[in-house]
Amino acid sequence: WDELQRIRAVFNDPGIVLRRTSRVPPPEVLRN
């Protein structure tokens, strides 16, 4: 629950649109 509140402080609307930046995801993310 505590972690959800931190997340919702940023993602506080279902209409938020995300796009990628030039930064590459960490290798451990792509392995998951």
PDB file of all heavy atoms in Angstrom:
ATOM      1  N   TRP A   1       0.829  -1.206   0.000  1.00  0.00           N
ATOM      2  CA  TRP A   1       0.000   0.000   0.000  1.00  0.00           C
ATOM      3  C   TRP A   1       0.865   1.258   0.000  1.00  0.00           C
ATOM      4  O   TRP A   1       0.604   2.204  -0.754  1.00  0.00           O
ATOM      5  CB  TRP A   1      -0.915  -0.017   1.218  1.00  0.00           C
ATOM      6  CG  TRP A   1      -1.673   1.258   1.399  1.00  0.00           C
ATOM      7  CD1 TRP A   1      -1.519   2.171   2.399  1.00  0.00           C
ATOM      8  CD2 TRP A   1      -2.693   1.783   0.546  1.00  0.00           C
ATOM      9  NE1 TRP A   1      -2.383   3.228   2.228  1.00  0.00           N
ATOM     10  CE2 TRP A   1      -3.109   3.011   1.094  1.00  0.00           C
ATOM     11  CE3 TRP A   1      -3.287   1.328  -0.631  1.00  0.00           C
ATOM     12  CZ2 TRP A   1      -4.089   3.799   0.508  1.00  0.00           C
ATOM     13  CZ3 TRP A   1      -4.278   2.115  -1.212  1.00  0.00           C
ATOM     14  CH2 TRP A   1      -4.675   3.329  -0.642  1.00  0.00           C
ATOM     15  N   ASP A   2       1.904   1.277   0.825  1.00  0.00           N
ATOM     16  CA  ASP A   2       2.803   2.432   0.873  1.00  0.00           C
ATOM     17  C   ASP A   2       3.456   2.673  -0.486  1.00  0.00           C
ATOM     18  O   ASP A   2       3.581   3.818  -0.940  1.00  0.00           O
ATOM     19  CB  ASP A   2       3.886   2.227   1.936  1.00  0.00           C
ATOM     20  CG  ASP A   2       3.333   2.305   3.351  1.00  0.00           C
ATOM     21  OD1 ASP A   2       2.219   2.856   3.518  1.00  0.00           O
ATOM     22  OD2 ASP A   2       3.993   1.793   4.270  1.00  0.00           O
ATOM     23  N   GLU A   3       3.865   1.579  -1.117  1.00  0.00           N
ATOM     24  CA  GLU A   3       4.509   1.720  -2.430  1.00  0.00           C
ATOM     25  C   GLU A   3       3.520   2.213  -3.483  1.00  0.00           C
ATOM     26  O   GLU A   3       3.865   3.030  -4.342  1.00  0.00           O
ATOM     27  CB  GLU A   3       5.120   0.384  -2.862  1.00  0.00           C
ATOM     28  CG  GLU A   3       5.972   0.501  -4.108  1.00  0.00           C
ATOM     29  CD  GLU A   3       6.817  -0.729  -4.372  1.00  0.00           C
ATOM     30  OE1 GLU A   3       6.560  -1.777  -3.749  1.00  0.00           O
ATOM     31  OE2 GLU A   3       7.731  -0.645  -5.209  1.00  0.00           O
ATOM     32  N   LEU A   4       2.285   1.748  -3.413  1.00  0.00           N
ATOM     33  CA  LEU A   4       1.259   2.210  -4.352  1.00  0.00           C
ATOM     34  C   LEU A   4       1.051   3.712  -4.243  1.00  0.00           C
ATOM     35  O   LEU A   4       0.821   4.394  -5.254  1.00  0.00           O
ATOM     36  CB  LEU A   4      -0.059   1.476  -4.093  1.00  0.00           C
ATOM     37  CG  LEU A   4      -0.330   0.223  -4.925  1.00  0.00           C
ATOM     38  CD1 LEU A   4      -1.582  -0.471  -4.427  1.00  0.00           C
ATOM     39  CD2 LEU A   4      -0.455   0.550  -6.398  1.00  0.00           C
ATOM     40  N   GLN A   5       1.087   4.247  -3.025  1.00  0.00           N
ATOM     41  CA  GLN A   5       0.891   5.676  -2.858  1.00  0.00           C
ATOM     42  C   GLN A   5       2.010   6.468  -3.520  1.00  0.00           C
ATOM     43  O   GLN A   5       1.778   7.537  -4.100  1.00  0.00           O
ATOM     44  CB  GLN A   5       0.778   6.030  -1.372  1.00  0.00           C
ATOM     45  CG  GLN A   5      -0.335   5.310  -0.635  1.00  0.00           C
ATOM     46  CD  GLN A   5      -1.581   5.119  -1.487  1.00  0.00           C
ATOM     47  OE1 GLN A   5      -2.232   6.078  -1.898  1.00  0.00           O
ATOM     48  NE2 GLN A   5      -1.917   3.870  -1.767  1.00  0.00           N
ATOM     49  N   ARG A   6       3.245   5.955  -3.443  1.00  0.00           N
ATOM     50  CA  ARG A   6       4.361   6.623  -4.119  1.00  0.00           C
ATOM     51  C   ARG A   6       4.180   6.569  -5.632  1.00  0.00           C
ATOM     52  O   ARG A   6       4.464   7.550  -6.337  1.00  0.00           O
ATOM     53  CB  ARG A   6       5.694   5.981  -3.710  1.00  0.00           C
ATOM     54  CG  ARG A   6       6.090   6.245  -2.259  1.00  0.00           C
ATOM     55  CD  ARG A   6       7.524   5.853  -2.000  1.00  0.00           C
ATOM     56  NE  ARG A   6       7.725   4.408  -2.088  1.00  0.00           N
ATOM     57  CZ  ARG A   6       7.561   3.577  -1.069  1.00  0.00           C
ATOM     58  NH1 ARG A   6       7.200   4.053   0.122  1.00  0.00           N
ATOM     59  NH2 ARG A   6       7.766   2.279  -1.211  1.00  0.00           N
ATOM     60  N   ILE A   7       3.714   5.421  -6.119  1.00  0.00           N
ATOM     61  CA  ILE A   7       3.508   5.272  -7.554  1.00  0.00           C
ATOM     62  C   ILE A   7       2.402   6.208  -8.038  1.00  0.00           C
ATOM     63  O   ILE A   7       2.531   6.898  -9.057  1.00  0.00           O
ATOM     64  CB  ILE A   7       3.150   3.808  -7.885  1.00  0.00           C
ATOM     65  CG1 ILE A   7       4.345   2.892  -7.625  1.00  0.00           C
ATOM     66  CG2 ILE A   7       2.684   3.677  -9.341  1.00  0.00           C
ATOM     67  CD1 ILE A   7       4.021   1.414  -7.684  1.00  0.00           C
ATOM     68  N   ARG A   8       1.300   6.272  -7.274  1.00  0.00           N
ATOM     69  CA  ARG A   8       0.157   7.089  -7.689  1.00  0.00           C
ATOM     70  C   ARG A   8       0.438   8.581  -7.571  1.00  0.00           C
ATOM     71  O   ARG A   8      -0.284   9.387  -8.145  1.00  0.00           O
ATOM     72  CB  ARG A   8      -1.076   6.708  -6.860  1.00  0.00           C
ATOM     73  CG  ARG A   8      -1.624   5.342  -7.237  1.00  0.00           C
ATOM     74  CD  ARG A   8      -2.828   5.012  -6.416  1.00  0.00           C
ATOM     75  NE  ARG A   8      -3.317   3.669  -6.739  1.00  0.00           N
ATOM     76  CZ  ARG A   8      -3.820   2.844  -5.854  1.00  0.00           C
ATOM     77  NH1 ARG A   8      -3.918   3.206  -4.589  1.00  0.00           N
ATOM     78  NH2 ARG A   8      -4.252   1.648  -6.224  1.00  0.00           N
ATOM     79  N   ALA A   9       1.463   8.954  -6.830  1.00  0.00           N
ATOM     80  CA  ALA A   9       1.847  10.365  -6.800  1.00  0.00           C
ATOM     81  C   ALA A   9       2.323  10.823  -8.177  1.00  0.00           C
ATOM     82  O   ALA A   9       2.224  12.003  -8.522  1.00  0.00           O
ATOM     83  CB  ALA A   9       2.951  10.576  -5.761  1.00  0.00           C
ATOM     84  N   VAL A  10       2.827   9.889  -8.984  1.00  0.00           N
ATOM     85  CA  VAL A  10       3.274  10.192 -10.348  1.00  0.00           C
ATOM     86  C   VAL A  10       2.202   9.798 -11.358  1.00  0.00           C
ATOM     87  O   VAL A  10       1.754  10.613 -12.168  1.00  0.00           O
ATOM     88  CB  VAL A  10       4.592   9.454 -10.669  1.00  0.00           C
ATOM     89  CG1 VAL A  10       5.004   9.707 -12.125  1.00  0.00           C
ATOM     90  CG2 VAL A  10       5.686   9.885  -9.717  1.00  0.00           C
ATOM     91  N   PHE A  11       1.765   8.541 -11.286  1.00  0.00           N
ATOM     92  CA  PHE A  11       0.745   8.045 -12.218  1.00  0.00           C
ATOM     93  C   PHE A  11      -0.629   8.221 -11.581  1.00  0.00           C
ATOM     94  O   PHE A  11      -1.242   7.267 -11.098  1.00  0.00           O
ATOM     95  CB  PHE A  11       1.016   6.575 -12.570  1.00  0.00           C
ATOM     96  CG  PHE A  11       2.323   6.367 -13.282  1.00  0.00           C
ATOM     97  CD1 PHE A  11       3.213   5.403 -12.869  1.00  0.00           C
ATOM     98  CD2 PHE A  11       2.665   7.165 -14.362  1.00  0.00           C
ATOM     99  CE1 PHE A  11       4.417   5.215 -13.522  1.00  0.00           C
ATOM    100  CE2 PHE A  11       3.870   6.989 -15.021  1.00  0.00           C
ATOM    101  CZ  PHE A  11       4.754   6.016 -14.608  1.00  0.00           C
ATOM    102  N   ASN A  12      -1.090   9.459 -11.595  1.00  0.00           N
ATOM    103  CA  ASN A  12      -2.328   9.811 -10.907  1.00  0.00           C
ATOM    104  C   ASN A  12      -3.506   9.973 -11.848  1.00  0.00           C
ATOM    105  O   ASN A  12      -4.550  10.480 -11.463  1.00  0.00           O
ATOM    106  CB  ASN A  12      -2.132  11.107 -10.110  1.00  0.00           C
ATOM    107  CG  ASN A  12      -1.608  12.241 -10.991  1.00  0.00           C
ATOM    108  OD1 ASN A  12      -1.573  12.124 -12.207  1.00  0.00           O
ATOM    109  ND2 ASN A  12      -1.191  13.314 -10.354  1.00  0.00           N
ATOM    110  N   ASP A  13      -3.350   9.542 -13.097  1.00  0.00           N
ATOM    111  CA  ASP A  13      -4.432   9.669 -14.076  1.00  0.00           C
ATOM    112  C   ASP A  13      -4.313   8.536 -15.082  1.00  0.00           C
ATOM    113  O   ASP A  13      -3.208   8.269 -15.590  1.00  0.00           O
ATOM    114  CB  ASP A  13      -4.328  11.029 -14.789  1.00  0.00           C
ATOM    115  CG  ASP A  13      -5.575  11.361 -15.587  1.00  0.00           C
ATOM    116  OD1 ASP A  13      -5.895  10.599 -16.527  1.00  0.00           O
ATOM    117  OD2 ASP A  13      -6.229  12.376 -15.284  1.00  0.00           O
ATOM    118  N   PRO A  14      -5.423   7.847 -15.398  1.00  0.00           N
ATOM    119  CA  PRO A  14      -5.343   6.734 -16.357  1.00  0.00           C
ATOM    120  C   PRO A  14      -5.043   7.195 -17.764  1.00  0.00           C
ATOM    121  O   PRO A  14      -4.674   6.398 -18.625  1.00  0.00           O
ATOM    122  CB  PRO A  14      -6.735   6.100 -16.267  1.00  0.00           C
ATOM    123  CG  PRO A  14      -7.625   7.211 -15.815  1.00  0.00           C
ATOM    124  CD  PRO A  14      -6.787   8.032 -14.886  1.00  0.00           C
ATOM    125  N   GLY A  15      -5.186   8.524 -18.028  1.00  0.00           N
ATOM    126  CA  GLY A  15      -4.944   9.036 -19.368  1.00  0.00           C
ATOM    127  C   GLY A  15      -3.509   9.460 -19.622  1.00  0.00           C
ATOM    128  O   GLY A  15      -3.197   9.988 -20.701  1.00  0.00           O
ATOM    129  N   ILE A  16      -2.607   9.242 -18.668  1.00  0.00           N
ATOM    130  CA  ILE A  16      -1.194   9.579 -18.877  1.00  0.00           C
ATOM    131  C   ILE A  16      -0.629   8.748 -20.031  1.00  0.00           C
ATOM    132  O   ILE A  16      -0.811   7.530 -20.093  1.00  0.00           O
ATOM    133  CB  ILE A  16      -0.385   9.327 -17.590  1.00  0.00           C
ATOM    134  CG1 ILE A  16      -0.691  10.405 -16.555  1.00  0.00           C
ATOM    135  CG2 ILE A  16       1.117   9.284 -17.873  1.00  0.00           C
ATOM    136  CD1 ILE A  16      -0.041  10.174 -15.205  1.00  0.00           C
ATOM    137  N   VAL A  17       0.053   9.423 -20.953  1.00  0.00           N
ATOM    138  CA  VAL A  17       0.696   8.757 -22.089  1.00  0.00           C
ATOM    139  C   VAL A  17       2.206   8.798 -21.870  1.00  0.00           C
ATOM    140  O   VAL A  17       2.778   9.871 -21.622  1.00  0.00           O
ATOM    141  CB  VAL A  17       0.339   9.449 -23.423  1.00  0.00           C
ATOM    142  CG1 VAL A  17       1.076   8.771 -24.587  1.00  0.00           C
ATOM    143  CG2 VAL A  17      -1.168   9.409 -23.652  1.00  0.00           C
ATOM    144  N   LEU A  18       2.841   7.652 -21.950  1.00  0.00           N
ATOM    145  CA  LEU A  18       4.287   7.556 -21.776  1.00  0.00           C
ATOM    146  C   LEU A  18       4.973   7.351 -23.122  1.00  0.00           C
ATOM    147  O   LEU A  18       4.432   6.711 -24.021  1.00  0.00           O
ATOM    148  CB  LEU A  18       4.631   6.384 -20.853  1.00  0.00           C
ATOM    149  CG  LEU A  18       4.201   6.497 -19.388  1.00  0.00           C
ATOM    150  CD1 LEU A  18       4.455   5.180 -18.674  1.00  0.00           C
ATOM    151  CD2 LEU A  18       4.930   7.627 -18.688  1.00  0.00           C
ATOM    152  N   ARG A  19       6.169   7.905 -23.221  1.00  0.00           N
ATOM    153  CA  ARG A  19       6.997   7.632 -24.401  1.00  0.00           C
ATOM    154  C   ARG A  19       8.415   7.333 -23.937  1.00  0.00           C
ATOM    155  O   ARG A  19       8.822   7.715 -22.836  1.00  0.00           O
ATOM    156  CB  ARG A  19       6.992   8.824 -25.348  1.00  0.00           C
ATOM    157  CG  ARG A  19       7.626  10.088 -24.786  1.00  0.00           C
ATOM    158  CD  ARG A  19       7.451  11.249 -25.731  1.00  0.00           C
ATOM    159  NE  ARG A  19       7.928  12.498 -25.118  1.00  0.00           N
ATOM    160  CZ  ARG A  19       7.578  13.697 -25.535  1.00  0.00           C
ATOM    161  NH1 ARG A  19       6.723  13.820 -26.552  1.00  0.00           N
ATOM    162  NH2 ARG A  19       8.050  14.778 -24.941  1.00  0.00           N
ATOM    163  N   ARG A  20       9.154   6.665 -24.784  1.00  0.00           N
ATOM    164  CA  ARG A  20      10.517   6.313 -24.434  1.00  0.00           C
ATOM    165  C   ARG A  20      11.455   7.498 -24.672  1.00  0.00           C
ATOM    166  O   ARG A  20      11.227   8.313 -25.558  1.00  0.00           O
ATOM    167  CB  ARG A  20      10.990   5.117 -25.264  1.00  0.00           C
ATOM    168  CG  ARG A  20      10.142   3.874 -25.068  1.00  0.00           C
ATOM    169  CD  ARG A  20      10.768   2.686 -25.757  1.00  0.00           C
ATOM    170  NE  ARG A  20       9.813   1.609 -25.917  1.00  0.00           N
ATOM    171  CZ  ARG A  20      10.115   0.400 -26.371  1.00  0.00           C
ATOM    172  NH1 ARG A  20      11.354   0.132 -26.731  1.00  0.00           N
ATOM    173  NH2 ARG A  20       9.185  -0.517 -26.479  1.00  0.00           N
ATOM    174  N   THR A  21      12.504   7.536 -23.885  1.00  0.00           N
ATOM    175  CA  THR A  21      13.564   8.523 -24.095  1.00  0.00           C
ATOM    176  C   THR A  21      14.722   7.827 -24.800  1.00  0.00           C
ATOM    177  O   THR A  21      14.628   6.660 -25.189  1.00  0.00           O
ATOM    178  CB  THR A  21      14.031   9.102 -22.753  1.00  0.00           C
ATOM    179  OG1 THR A  21      14.686   8.068 -21.994  1.00  0.00           O
ATOM    180  CG2 THR A  21      12.858   9.635 -21.951  1.00  0.00           C
ATOM    181  N   SER A  22      15.812   8.519 -24.932  1.00  0.00           N
ATOM    182  CA  SER A  22      16.992   7.909 -25.569  1.00  0.00           C
ATOM    183  C   SER A  22      17.727   6.965 -24.633  1.00  0.00           C
ATOM    184  O   SER A  22      18.609   6.222 -25.064  1.00  0.00           O
ATOM    185  CB  SER A  22      17.950   9.013 -26.045  1.00  0.00           C
ATOM    186  OG  SER A  22      18.348   9.816 -24.948  1.00  0.00           O
ATOM    187  N   ARG A  23      17.356   6.978 -23.363  1.00  0.00           N
ATOM    188  CA  ARG A  23      18.035   6.126 -22.391  1.00  0.00           C
ATOM    189  C   ARG A  23      17.599   4.673 -22.570  1.00  0.00           C
ATOM    190  O   ARG A  23      16.414   4.378 -22.719  1.00  0.00           O
ATOM    191  CB  ARG A  23      17.740   6.601 -20.970  1.00  0.00           C
ATOM    192  CG  ARG A  23      18.480   5.837 -19.888  1.00  0.00           C
ATOM    193  CD  ARG A  23      18.496   6.603 -18.584  1.00  0.00           C
ATOM    194  NE  ARG A  23      19.234   7.873 -18.715  1.00  0.00           N
ATOM    195  CZ  ARG A  23      19.445   8.710 -17.704  1.00  0.00           C
ATOM    196  NH1 ARG A  23      18.968   8.428 -16.492  1.00  0.00           N
ATOM    197  NH2 ARG A  23      20.116   9.826 -17.886  1.00  0.00           N
ATOM    198  N   VAL A  24      18.540   3.772 -22.535  1.00  0.00           N
ATOM    199  CA  VAL A  24      18.276   2.337 -22.724  1.00  0.00           C
ATOM    200  C   VAL A  24      17.921   1.706 -21.379  1.00  0.00           C
ATOM    201  O   VAL A  24      18.560   1.998 -20.359  1.00  0.00           O
ATOM    202  CB  VAL A  24      19.518   1.630 -23.322  1.00  0.00           C
ATOM    203  CG1 VAL A  24      19.265   0.132 -23.478  1.00  0.00           C
ATOM    204  CG2 VAL A  24      19.885   2.260 -24.656  1.00  0.00           C
ATOM    205  N   PRO A  25      16.893   0.839 -21.342  1.00  0.00           N
ATOM    206  CA  PRO A  25      16.550   0.163 -20.079  1.00  0.00           C
ATOM    207  C   PRO A  25      17.720  -0.660 -19.564  1.00  0.00           C
ATOM    208  O   PRO A  25      18.523  -1.190 -20.345  1.00  0.00           O
ATOM    209  CB  PRO A  25      15.376  -0.744 -20.477  1.00  0.00           C
ATOM    210  CG  PRO A  25      14.827  -0.150 -21.720  1.00  0.00           C
ATOM    211  CD  PRO A  25      15.983   0.468 -22.437  1.00  0.00           C
ATOM    212  N   PRO A  26      17.860  -0.772 -18.249  1.00  0.00           N
ATOM    213  CA  PRO A  26      18.930  -1.600 -17.677  1.00  0.00           C
ATOM    214  C   PRO A  26      18.849  -3.037 -18.196  1.00  0.00           C
ATOM    215  O   PRO A  26      17.754  -3.555 -18.438  1.00  0.00           O
ATOM    216  CB  PRO A  26      18.659  -1.541 -16.170  1.00  0.00           C
ATOM    217  CG  PRO A  26      17.856  -0.289 -15.975  1.00  0.00           C
ATOM    218  CD  PRO A  26      17.031  -0.148 -17.212  1.00  0.00           C
ATOM    219  N   PRO A  27      19.991  -3.713 -18.370  1.00  0.00           N
ATOM    220  CA  PRO A  27      19.993  -5.087 -18.894  1.00  0.00           C
ATOM    221  C   PRO A  27      19.117  -6.040 -18.086  1.00  0.00           C
ATOM    222  O   PRO A  27      18.471  -6.918 -18.648  1.00  0.00           O
ATOM    223  CB  PRO A  27      21.474  -5.496 -18.829  1.00  0.00           C
ATOM    224  CG  PRO A  27      22.220  -4.201 -18.839  1.00  0.00           C
ATOM    225  CD  PRO A  27      21.352  -3.214 -18.134  1.00  0.00           C
ATOM    226  N   GLU A  28      19.077  -5.855 -16.745  1.00  0.00           N
ATOM    227  CA  GLU A  28      18.288  -6.775 -15.920  1.00  0.00           C
ATOM    228  C   GLU A  28      16.794  -6.640 -16.208  1.00  0.00           C
ATOM    229  O   GLU A  28      16.041  -7.610 -16.054  1.00  0.00           O
ATOM    230  CB  GLU A  28      18.551  -6.531 -14.429  1.00  0.00           C
ATOM    231  CG  GLU A  28      18.241  -5.135 -13.927  1.00  0.00           C
ATOM    232  CD  GLU A  28      19.423  -4.190 -14.020  1.00  0.00           C
ATOM    233  OE1 GLU A  28      20.342  -4.482 -14.809  1.00  0.00           O
ATOM    234  OE2 GLU A  28      19.422  -3.181 -13.303  1.00  0.00           O
ATOM    235  N   VAL A  29      16.367  -5.468 -16.654  1.00  0.00           N
ATOM    236  CA  VAL A  29      14.962  -5.288 -17.026  1.00  0.00           C
ATOM    237  C   VAL A  29      14.646  -6.085 -18.279  1.00  0.00           C
ATOM    238  O   VAL A  29      13.632  -6.786 -18.356  1.00  0.00           O
ATOM    239  CB  VAL A  29      14.640  -3.789 -17.245  1.00  0.00           C
ATOM    240  CG1 VAL A  29      13.256  -3.621 -17.870  1.00  0.00           C
ATOM    241  CG2 VAL A  29      14.715  -3.047 -15.919  1.00  0.00           C
ATOM    242  N   LEU A  30      15.508  -5.996 -19.279  1.00  0.00           N
ATOM    243  CA  LEU A  30      15.265  -6.696 -20.538  1.00  0.00           C
ATOM    244  C   LEU A  30      15.387  -8.209 -20.386  1.00  0.00           C
ATOM    245  O   LEU A  30      14.843  -8.952 -21.199  1.00  0.00           O
ATOM    246  CB  LEU A  30      16.241  -6.184 -21.602  1.00  0.00           C
ATOM    247  CG  LEU A  30      16.088  -4.691 -21.944  1.00  0.00           C
ATOM    248  CD1 LEU A  30      17.111  -4.280 -22.991  1.00  0.00           C
ATOM    249  CD2 LEU A  30      14.678  -4.387 -22.430  1.00  0.00           C
ATOM    250  N   ARG A  31      16.080  -8.656 -19.335  1.00  0.00           N
ATOM    251  CA  ARG A  31      16.163 -10.103 -19.102  1.00  0.00           C
ATOM    252  C   ARG A  31      14.911 -10.633 -18.422  1.00  0.00           C
ATOM    253  O   ARG A  31      14.648 -11.837 -18.458  1.00  0.00           O
ATOM    254  CB  ARG A  31      17.400 -10.431 -18.250  1.00  0.00           C
ATOM    255  CG  ARG A  31      18.721 -10.342 -19.012  1.00  0.00           C
ATOM    256  CD  ARG A  31      19.833 -11.009 -18.225  1.00  0.00           C
ATOM    257  NE  ARG A  31      20.116 -10.328 -16.969  1.00  0.00           N
ATOM    258  CZ  ARG A  31      21.015  -9.361 -16.822  1.00  0.00           C
ATOM    259  NH1 ARG A  31      21.723  -8.968 -17.869  1.00  0.00           N
ATOM    260  NH2 ARG A  31      21.211  -8.791 -15.652  1.00  0.00           N
ATOM    261  N   ASN A  32      14.163  -9.764 -17.783  1.00  0.00           N
ATOM    262  CA  ASN A  32      12.919 -10.161 -17.129  1.00  0.00           C
ATOM    263  C   ASN A  32      11.791 -10.135 -18.166  1.00  0.00           C
ATOM    264  O   ASN A  32      11.478  -9.083 -18.727  1.00  0.00           O
ATOM    265  CB  ASN A  32      12.611  -9.188 -15.983  1.00  0.00           C
ATOM    266  CG  ASN A  32      11.364  -9.558 -15.214  1.00  0.00           C
ATOM    267  OD1 ASN A  32      10.272  -9.581 -15.763  1.00  0.00           O
ATOM    268  ND2 ASN A  32      11.522  -9.821 -13.932  1.00  0.00           N
TER     269      ASN A  32
END
